[in-house]
Amino acid sequence: MTIGAGIFLIAVGAILKFATNIHVQGLSIDTIGVILMIAGAVGLLIGLFQEIVWSRRTRPLAPGEVPPVEERREVRDPAYREQPPRY
């Protein structure tokens, strides 16, 4: 769940809980609002956690510190063979 979806669920749940006075037999709109607010808060926390843990931001380098070298490997299909150019 994204951060925006979590905020949306919290807003919809708050509207159902505090801004409506609809009564449906066998269904509590207030309870549904509370459930949506809890689900939105959990989704918001998961989204924030995901952003913090999996972000690709690096820490600032200290003066004189060398940035780490990033290794990249090129993977090719084993069946692929380069053919010499034909003249």
Protein backbone atom coordinates (compact mmCIF):
# COMPACT_ATOMS: atom_id res chain seq x y z
CA MET A 1 0.00 0.00 0.00
CA THR A 2 1.31 3.42 -0.84
CA ILE A 3 1.44 6.43 1.44
CA GLY A 4 -1.32 8.13 -0.56
CA ALA A 5 -3.63 5.14 -0.23
CA GLY A 6 -3.06 5.06 3.52
CA ILE A 7 -3.95 8.75 3.84
CA PHE A 8 -7.02 8.19 1.66
CA LEU A 9 -8.26 5.33 3.87
CA ILE A 10 -7.75 7.44 6.99
CA ALA A 11 -9.74 10.29 5.45
CA VAL A 12 -12.61 8.06 4.30
CA GLY A 13 -12.70 6.33 7.69
CA ALA A 14 -12.79 9.68 9.51
CA ILE A 15 -15.63 10.87 7.30
CA LEU A 16 -17.62 7.71 7.99
CA LYS A 17 -16.92 7.90 11.73
CA PHE A 18 -17.37 11.59 12.48
CA ALA A 19 -19.25 13.26 9.62
CA THR A 20 -22.14 10.91 8.93
CA ASN A 21 -25.21 10.07 10.90
CA ILE A 22 -26.55 7.33 8.63
CA HIS A 23 -28.07 4.34 10.39
CA VAL A 24 -28.23 1.02 8.58
CA GLN A 25 -29.85 -1.95 10.24
CA GLY A 26 -27.30 -4.69 10.93
CA LEU A 27 -24.33 -2.49 9.97
CA SER A 28 -22.42 0.04 12.01
CA ILE A 29 -21.03 2.83 9.84
CA ASP A 30 -18.99 4.11 12.79
CA THR A 31 -17.26 0.75 13.16
CA ILE A 32 -16.48 0.62 9.45
CA GLY A 33 -14.96 4.10 9.75
CA VAL A 34 -12.74 3.02 12.64
CA ILE A 35 -11.64 -0.09 10.73
CA LEU A 36 -10.75 2.00 7.68
CA MET A 37 -8.79 4.48 9.82
CA ILE A 38 -6.81 1.63 11.44
CA ALA A 39 -6.14 0.02 8.06
CA GLY A 40 -5.03 3.39 6.68
CA ALA A 41 -2.69 4.00 9.63
CA VAL A 42 -1.13 0.55 9.25
CA GLY A 43 -0.75 1.11 5.49
CA LEU A 44 0.77 4.53 6.08
CA LEU A 45 3.31 3.09 8.53
CA ILE A 46 4.21 0.28 6.12
CA GLY A 47 4.62 2.77 3.28
CA LEU A 48 6.86 5.03 5.36
CA PHE A 49 8.91 2.06 6.55
CA GLN A 50 9.29 0.90 2.96
CA GLU A 51 10.49 4.35 1.88
CA ILE A 52 13.02 4.57 4.70
CA VAL A 53 14.46 1.07 4.37
CA TRP A 54 14.48 0.67 0.61
CA SER A 55 15.43 4.17 -0.48
CA ARG A 56 18.56 4.44 -2.57
CA ARG A 57 19.72 7.62 -0.93
CA THR A 58 23.25 7.49 0.40
CA ARG A 59 24.64 9.22 3.40
CA PRO A 60 26.66 12.37 2.80
CA LEU A 61 30.40 11.80 2.49
CA ALA A 62 32.78 13.21 5.04
CA PRO A 63 35.46 15.61 3.77
CA GLY A 64 38.24 13.59 2.14
CA GLU A 65 36.16 10.37 2.02
CA VAL A 66 36.19 8.43 -1.23
CA PRO A 67 32.78 7.34 -2.56
CA PRO A 68 32.28 3.57 -2.77
CA VAL A 69 32.78 1.88 -6.12
CA GLU A 70 29.65 0.36 -7.61
CA GLU A 71 30.17 -3.00 -9.29
CA ARG A 72 28.09 -3.85 -12.32
CA ARG A 73 28.12 -7.07 -14.25
CA GLU A 74 26.99 -7.49 -17.80
CA VAL A 75 25.01 -10.66 -18.32
CA ARG A 76 24.60 -11.94 -21.85
CA ASP A 77 22.63 -14.76 -23.31
CA PRO A 78 24.96 -17.80 -23.73
CA ALA A 79 23.52 -18.48 -27.18
CA TYR A 80 24.46 -14.97 -28.30
CA ARG A 81 27.80 -14.81 -30.07
CA GLU A 82 29.20 -11.75 -31.71
CA GLN A 83 29.84 -12.27 -35.37
CA PRO A 84 32.77 -10.50 -37.00
CA PRO A 85 31.68 -7.75 -39.36
CA ARG A 86 31.31 -8.80 -42.99
CA TYR A 87 33.05 -6.62 -45.57
